[in-house]
């Protein structure tokens, strides 16, 4: 009688690369999928990252480079890999839109901040910072769309999961998920303020996030391969960590809600020493997210009920909605 041999589960291999940014080291991953070498994310645009890729990745065999989102610490070597390998490079659709409309996007974000009460003289550094955070492709025709063009035989499921930026993608394989910055242990974040070139106007980061947490719940049981820090052992506890932070910070914002107070004034009152342009950008994104939540809390409640987690935060939720009725 032939004995069945248990198959050993194989997960993508983690590669950790230092970055010069506050986020610290970033994780990239390689996997052999149906005999083809795949790299998820690339690291920052530094000489150290180039050397790392040369020393640890067989560039002659590399077939696919798949990017979770186009922040500089995750796709900083995409142009270098385009020039130094024959790999196909796949970017999120919304990131490709941002590249195609880069100057228009920066101008619209700039004008949006003006409308939020910020002074023109204070925004020069922010414009410069946003420009520095973009790695321009040599030709957009050289890039493929991750949501549409990843070959089916690789067996990768693509989930659109805005949780850090509007373009965040999660890539799922057999028992694993590369999550970029959408799921990070112990780090609270909300999708960044941006321009929506797909649907027009401001990107509705709160509405997108309500859909994202439902998708994240489908990752239960998979090994999570995050973009930074440590692996995530429990999806439920991670989602609840995020939601409890949302509720806590929403309570902080309640005194300003429905008052004739600009976002710039709220920033000044809550964060008196905030001066770094990226930190201001993050906090403005968060406050707009929280304002949208306070206007429509039921959207988040419905998502949490759908994934069976609302009971864990129902009391805190009720405190906020009851205050809003006063």
Protein backbone atom coordinates (compact mmCIF):
# COMPACT_ATOMS: atom_id res chain seq x y z
CA UNK A 1 0.00 0.00 0.00
CA UNK A 2 1.33 3.43 -0.93
CA UNK A 3 1.55 5.88 1.93
CA UNK A 4 0.37 9.45 1.37
CA UNK A 5 3.16 11.97 1.75
CA UNK A 6 2.19 15.20 3.48
CA UNK A 7 2.93 18.26 1.41
CA UNK A 8 5.04 20.87 3.21
CA UNK A 9 3.50 24.32 2.99
CA UNK A 10 5.89 26.71 1.24
CA UNK A 11 5.56 30.43 1.90
CA UNK A 12 7.25 33.37 0.16
CA UNK A 13 10.70 34.18 1.51
CA UNK A 14 11.02 37.45 3.43
CA UNK A 15 13.82 39.90 2.60
CA UNK A 16 14.36 42.86 4.93
CA UNK A 17 16.03 46.01 3.60
CA UNK A 18 16.96 49.11 5.62
CA UNK A 19 15.46 52.43 4.57
CA UNK A 20 16.43 56.02 5.40
CA UNK A 21 12.83 56.78 6.38
CA UNK A 22 11.03 56.93 9.73
CA UNK A 23 9.18 53.70 8.92
CA UNK A 24 12.43 51.78 9.31
CA UNK A 25 13.26 48.54 7.47
CA UNK A 26 10.90 47.30 4.76
CA UNK A 27 10.05 43.71 3.86
CA UNK A 28 10.03 42.37 0.30
CA UNK A 29 9.19 38.78 -0.60
CA UNK A 30 10.18 36.26 -3.25
CA UNK A 31 8.26 33.16 -4.26
CA UNK A 32 8.62 30.37 -6.81
CA UNK A 33 5.18 30.12 -8.38
CA UNK A 34 4.79 27.43 -11.01
CA UNK A 35 8.52 27.54 -11.66
CA UNK A 36 8.66 31.32 -12.09
CA UNK A 37 10.49 33.67 -9.71
CA UNK A 38 8.28 36.46 -8.37
CA UNK A 39 9.33 39.48 -6.28
CA UNK A 40 6.75 41.38 -4.22
CA UNK A 41 7.87 44.99 -3.63
CA UNK A 42 11.41 46.23 -4.17
CA UNK A 43 12.69 48.35 -1.31
CA UNK A 44 13.79 52.02 -1.39
CA UNK A 45 15.81 53.82 -4.10
CA UNK A 46 19.16 53.47 -2.29
CA UNK A 47 22.50 51.94 -3.26
CA UNK A 48 22.16 49.58 -0.30
CA UNK A 49 18.85 48.28 -1.67
CA UNK A 50 20.39 47.81 -5.14
CA UNK A 51 23.24 45.77 -3.65
CA UNK A 52 20.76 43.73 -1.63
CA UNK A 53 18.74 42.85 -4.71
CA UNK A 54 21.89 41.97 -6.64
CA UNK A 55 23.14 39.72 -3.82
CA UNK A 56 19.87 38.01 -2.89
CA UNK A 57 17.72 37.88 -6.04
CA UNK A 58 18.61 35.92 -9.17
CA UNK A 59 17.92 38.78 -11.56
CA UNK A 60 18.47 36.53 -14.60
CA UNK A 61 15.60 34.31 -13.46
CA UNK A 62 13.32 37.05 -12.15
CA UNK A 63 10.06 36.95 -14.15
CA UNK A 64 7.62 39.14 -12.24
CA UNK A 65 7.88 42.18 -9.94
CA UNK A 66 4.56 42.90 -8.23
CA UNK A 67 4.07 46.11 -6.22
CA UNK A 68 1.61 46.44 -3.33
CA UNK A 69 1.56 50.27 -3.55
CA UNK A 70 3.81 52.93 -5.00
CA UNK A 71 5.28 54.50 -1.89
CA UNK A 72 8.98 55.06 -2.26
CA UNK A 73 10.06 52.43 0.29
CA UNK A 74 8.07 49.75 -1.56
CA UNK A 75 8.63 50.54 -5.23
CA UNK A 76 11.85 52.54 -5.05
CA UNK A 77 13.78 50.01 -7.13
CA UNK A 78 11.12 49.44 -9.80
CA UNK A 79 12.93 51.63 -12.33
CA UNK A 80 16.28 49.97 -11.54
CA UNK A 81 14.75 46.50 -11.94
CA UNK A 82 13.15 47.59 -15.20
CA UNK A 83 16.66 48.47 -16.43
CA UNK A 84 18.52 45.50 -14.91
CA UNK A 85 16.20 42.56 -15.44
CA UNK A 86 13.75 41.19 -17.98
CA UNK A 87 10.99 40.93 -15.39
CA UNK A 88 7.48 42.21 -16.03
CA UNK A 89 6.58 44.92 -13.52
CA UNK A 90 3.02 45.24 -12.23
CA UNK A 91 1.78 48.40 -10.51
CA UNK A 92 -1.62 49.15 -8.94
CA UNK A 93 -4.00 50.80 -11.38
CA UNK A 94 -4.60 53.81 -9.18
CA UNK A 95 -0.85 54.39 -8.89
CA UNK A 96 -0.51 54.35 -12.64
CA UNK A 97 -3.27 56.96 -12.81
CA UNK A 98 -1.40 59.11 -10.30
CA UNK A 99 1.78 58.86 -12.38
CA UNK A 100 -0.02 59.83 -15.56
CA UNK A 101 -1.59 62.84 -13.84
CA UNK A 102 1.29 63.65 -11.49
CA UNK A 103 1.48 67.43 -11.94
CA UNK A 104 -2.29 67.77 -11.91
CA UNK A 105 -2.50 65.62 -8.77
CA UNK A 106 0.08 67.66 -6.86
CA UNK A 107 -1.67 70.88 -7.86
CA UNK A 108 -5.08 69.57 -6.77
CA UNK A 109 -3.74 68.34 -3.42
CA UNK A 110 -2.12 71.74 -2.94
CA UNK A 111 -5.41 73.52 -3.67
CA UNK A 112 -7.25 71.12 -1.39
CA UNK A 113 -4.97 72.08 1.49
CA UNK A 114 -5.59 75.75 0.73
CA UNK A 115 -9.35 75.07 0.97
CA UNK A 116 -8.77 73.40 4.36
CA UNK A 117 -7.37 76.63 5.79
CA UNK A 118 -3.63 76.20 5.25
CA UNK A 119 -1.59 79.15 4.09
CA UNK A 120 0.14 79.16 0.74
CA UNK A 121 3.51 79.98 2.32
CA UNK A 122 3.26 76.90 4.59
CA UNK A 123 2.64 74.45 1.75
CA UNK A 124 5.81 74.84 -0.31
CA UNK A 125 7.61 72.15 1.71
CA UNK A 126 4.63 69.81 1.38
CA UNK A 127 4.61 70.19 -2.41
CA UNK A 128 8.35 69.43 -2.46
CA UNK A 129 7.89 66.41 -0.18
CA UNK A 130 5.11 64.95 -2.35
CA UNK A 131 7.26 65.36 -5.46
CA UNK A 132 10.19 63.62 -3.76
CA UNK A 133 8.02 60.64 -2.92
CA UNK A 134 7.45 59.65 -6.56
CA UNK A 135 9.64 57.34 -8.64
CA UNK A 136 8.82 58.25 -12.26
CA UNK A 137 8.77 55.35 -14.73
CA UNK A 138 11.00 55.57 -17.78
CA UNK A 139 7.88 54.84 -19.80
CA UNK A 140 4.44 54.02 -18.48
CA UNK A 141 4.04 51.60 -21.38
CA UNK A 142 6.67 49.38 -19.68
CA UNK A 143 4.40 48.75 -16.69
CA UNK A 144 1.47 46.38 -16.40
CA UNK A 145 -1.67 46.74 -14.29
CA UNK A 146 -1.52 44.47 -11.25
CA UNK A 147 -5.29 44.08 -11.00
CA UNK A 148 -5.63 42.97 -14.64
CA UNK A 149 -2.36 41.63 -16.01
CA UNK A 150 -0.85 39.22 -13.48
CA UNK A 151 -0.90 35.83 -15.28
CA UNK A 152 -3.63 33.53 -14.00
CA UNK A 153 -1.31 30.51 -13.86
CA UNK A 154 0.59 32.13 -10.97
CA UNK A 155 -2.49 31.60 -8.80
CA UNK A 156 -2.39 35.08 -7.22
CA UNK A 157 -5.66 36.63 -6.04
CA UNK A 158 -5.60 40.44 -6.01
CA UNK A 159 -7.62 42.34 -3.39
CA UNK A 160 -8.05 46.10 -3.59
CA UNK A 161 -7.66 47.14 0.05
CA UNK A 162 -7.14 50.87 0.67
CA UNK A 163 -5.88 51.06 4.24
CA UNK A 164 -2.78 53.18 3.91
CA UNK A 165 -3.16 54.67 0.45
CA UNK A 166 -5.93 54.61 -2.12
CA UNK A 167 -4.00 52.14 -4.27
CA UNK A 168 -3.12 49.44 -1.69
CA UNK A 169 -3.31 45.91 -3.02
CA UNK A 170 -3.12 42.61 -1.14
CA UNK A 171 -1.79 39.58 -3.02
CA UNK A 172 -3.04 36.18 -1.86
CA UNK A 173 -1.55 32.79 -2.62
CA UNK A 174 -1.93 29.31 -1.18
CA UNK A 175 -2.18 29.96 2.55
CA UNK A 176 -0.45 33.35 2.53
CA UNK A 177 -1.08 37.03 1.80
CA UNK A 178 1.42 39.79 1.00
CA UNK A 179 -0.26 42.83 2.54
CA UNK A 180 2.18 45.72 2.05
CA UNK A 181 1.19 48.45 4.50
CA UNK A 182 -2.50 47.53 4.72
CA UNK A 183 -1.96 45.27 7.74
CA UNK A 184 0.78 46.35 10.13
CA UNK A 185 1.09 45.11 13.68
CA UNK A 186 0.79 47.85 16.27
CA UNK A 187 0.64 50.74 13.78
CA UNK A 188 -2.59 52.70 13.40
CA UNK A 189 -3.17 54.31 10.03
CA UNK A 190 -5.93 55.61 7.82
CA UNK A 191 -5.85 55.91 4.01
CA UNK A 192 -3.99 59.02 2.96
CA UNK A 193 -5.76 62.04 1.56
CA UNK A 194 -5.55 61.98 -2.23
CA UNK A 195 -7.18 62.86 -5.51
CA UNK A 196 -9.36 60.20 -7.10
CA UNK A 197 -8.55 60.17 -10.82
CA UNK A 198 -10.77 57.15 -11.36
CA UNK A 199 -14.02 58.61 -10.02
CA UNK A 200 -13.14 62.32 -9.70
CA UNK A 201 -12.78 64.63 -6.70
CA UNK A 202 -11.30 63.80 -3.32
CA UNK A 203 -10.60 60.15 -2.66
CA UNK A 204 -13.21 58.97 -0.13
CA UNK A 205 -10.82 57.23 2.22
CA UNK A 206 -13.40 56.42 4.91
CA UNK A 207 -15.84 54.72 2.55
CA UNK A 208 -12.97 52.75 1.01
CA UNK A 209 -11.74 51.64 4.43
CA UNK A 210 -15.17 50.31 5.41
CA UNK A 211 -14.94 47.98 2.40
CA UNK A 212 -11.32 47.12 3.14
CA UNK A 213 -11.90 45.69 6.61
CA UNK A 214 -14.47 43.26 5.17
CA UNK A 215 -11.84 42.05 2.69
CA UNK A 216 -9.18 41.83 5.39
CA UNK A 217 -11.42 39.50 7.37
CA UNK A 218 -11.25 37.01 4.46
CA UNK A 219 -7.52 36.63 5.21
CA UNK A 220 -8.24 34.76 8.46
CA UNK A 221 -6.21 31.57 8.51
CA UNK A 222 -3.57 32.82 6.06
CA UNK A 223 0.00 33.68 6.97
CA UNK A 224 0.26 37.46 6.78
CA UNK A 225 3.40 38.83 5.13
CA UNK A 226 3.46 42.55 6.05
CA UNK A 227 5.51 45.39 4.64
CA UNK A 228 7.11 46.31 7.97
CA UNK A 229 7.77 45.00 11.45
CA UNK A 230 6.42 41.67 12.62
CA UNK A 231 4.03 39.12 11.24
CA UNK A 232 0.38 39.29 12.30
CA UNK A 233 -0.87 36.29 14.22
CA UNK A 234 -4.53 37.23 14.50
CA UNK A 235 -6.56 39.17 11.93
CA UNK A 236 -9.43 39.87 14.33
CA UNK A 237 -7.23 41.47 16.98
CA UNK A 238 -5.46 43.59 14.35
CA UNK A 239 -8.74 44.90 12.89
CA UNK A 240 -10.04 45.61 16.40
CA UNK A 241 -6.83 47.48 17.22
CA UNK A 242 -7.47 49.74 14.23
CA UNK A 243 -11.14 50.25 15.05
CA UNK A 244 -10.49 51.05 18.71
CA UNK A 245 -7.95 53.66 17.60
CA UNK A 246 -10.53 55.15 15.23
CA UNK A 247 -13.07 55.39 18.04
CA UNK A 248 -10.58 56.83 20.52
CA UNK A 249 -9.36 59.51 18.13
CA UNK A 250 -12.90 60.27 16.97
CA UNK A 251 -13.77 61.06 20.61
CA UNK A 252 -10.85 63.51 20.66
CA UNK A 253 -12.28 65.18 17.58
CA UNK A 254 -15.87 65.43 18.88
CA UNK A 255 -15.37 68.89 20.48
CA UNK A 256 -14.51 70.25 17.03
CA UNK A 257 -17.27 68.44 15.16
CA UNK A 258 -19.96 70.70 13.68
CA UNK A 259 -18.03 73.78 14.78
CA UNK A 260 -16.95 76.47 12.37
CA UNK A 261 -13.35 75.32 12.58
CA UNK A 262 -11.00 74.63 9.66
CA UNK A 263 -8.81 71.55 9.43
CA UNK A 264 -5.76 73.81 9.74
CA UNK A 265 -7.13 75.23 13.02
CA UNK A 266 -7.81 71.73 14.36
CA UNK A 267 -4.22 70.72 13.51
CA UNK A 268 -2.89 73.80 15.32
CA UNK A 269 -4.94 73.07 18.44
CA UNK A 270 -4.33 69.31 18.62
CA UNK A 271 -0.71 69.19 17.43
CA UNK A 272 0.98 72.42 18.44
CA UNK A 273 4.52 71.31 17.54
CA UNK A 274 3.78 69.58 14.25
CA UNK A 275 6.01 70.96 11.49
CA UNK A 276 7.18 68.09 9.28
CA UNK A 277 5.17 68.28 6.01
CA UNK A 278 4.59 64.52 5.81
CA UNK A 279 3.38 64.39 9.43
CA UNK A 280 0.96 67.22 8.69
CA UNK A 281 -0.20 65.35 5.58
CA UNK A 282 -0.83 62.20 7.65
CA UNK A 283 -2.76 64.07 10.34
CA UNK A 284 -4.91 66.00 7.85
CA UNK A 285 -5.75 62.66 6.18
CA UNK A 286 -6.69 61.19 9.53
CA UNK A 287 -8.87 64.10 10.60
CA UNK A 288 -10.81 64.11 7.32
CA UNK A 289 -11.25 60.34 7.68
CA UNK A 290 -12.57 60.80 11.22
CA UNK A 291 -14.92 63.60 10.17
CA UNK A 292 -16.37 61.35 7.48
CA UNK A 293 -16.78 58.61 10.09
CA UNK A 294 -18.57 60.95 12.50
CA UNK A 295 -20.95 61.97 9.72
CA UNK A 296 -21.73 58.36 8.73
CA UNK A 297 -20.77 55.96 11.55
CA UNK A 298 -23.26 53.34 10.36
CA UNK A 299 -21.06 52.52 7.36
CA UNK A 300 -18.33 51.24 9.66
CA UNK A 301 -20.83 49.58 11.98
CA UNK A 302 -22.34 47.59 9.11
CA UNK A 303 -18.90 46.41 7.99
CA UNK A 304 -18.02 45.28 11.51
CA UNK A 305 -21.33 43.46 11.87
CA UNK A 306 -20.69 41.73 8.54
CA UNK A 307 -17.40 40.27 9.83
CA UNK A 308 -18.70 39.51 13.34
CA UNK A 309 -16.64 42.08 15.27
CA UNK A 310 -19.13 44.82 16.12
CA UNK A 311 -20.04 43.38 19.54
CA UNK A 312 -16.45 43.91 20.71
CA UNK A 313 -16.70 47.70 20.21
CA UNK A 314 -20.46 48.28 20.47
CA UNK A 315 -20.26 50.20 23.75
CA UNK A 316 -17.61 52.62 22.47
CA UNK A 317 -19.54 53.00 19.22
CA UNK A 318 -22.72 53.84 21.11
CA UNK A 319 -20.97 56.54 23.15
CA UNK A 320 -19.92 58.34 19.99
CA UNK A 321 -23.27 58.09 18.19
CA UNK A 322 -25.17 59.15 21.31
CA UNK A 323 -22.90 62.19 21.70
CA UNK A 324 -23.52 63.05 18.06
CA UNK A 325 -27.28 63.16 18.69
CA UNK A 326 -26.93 65.68 21.53
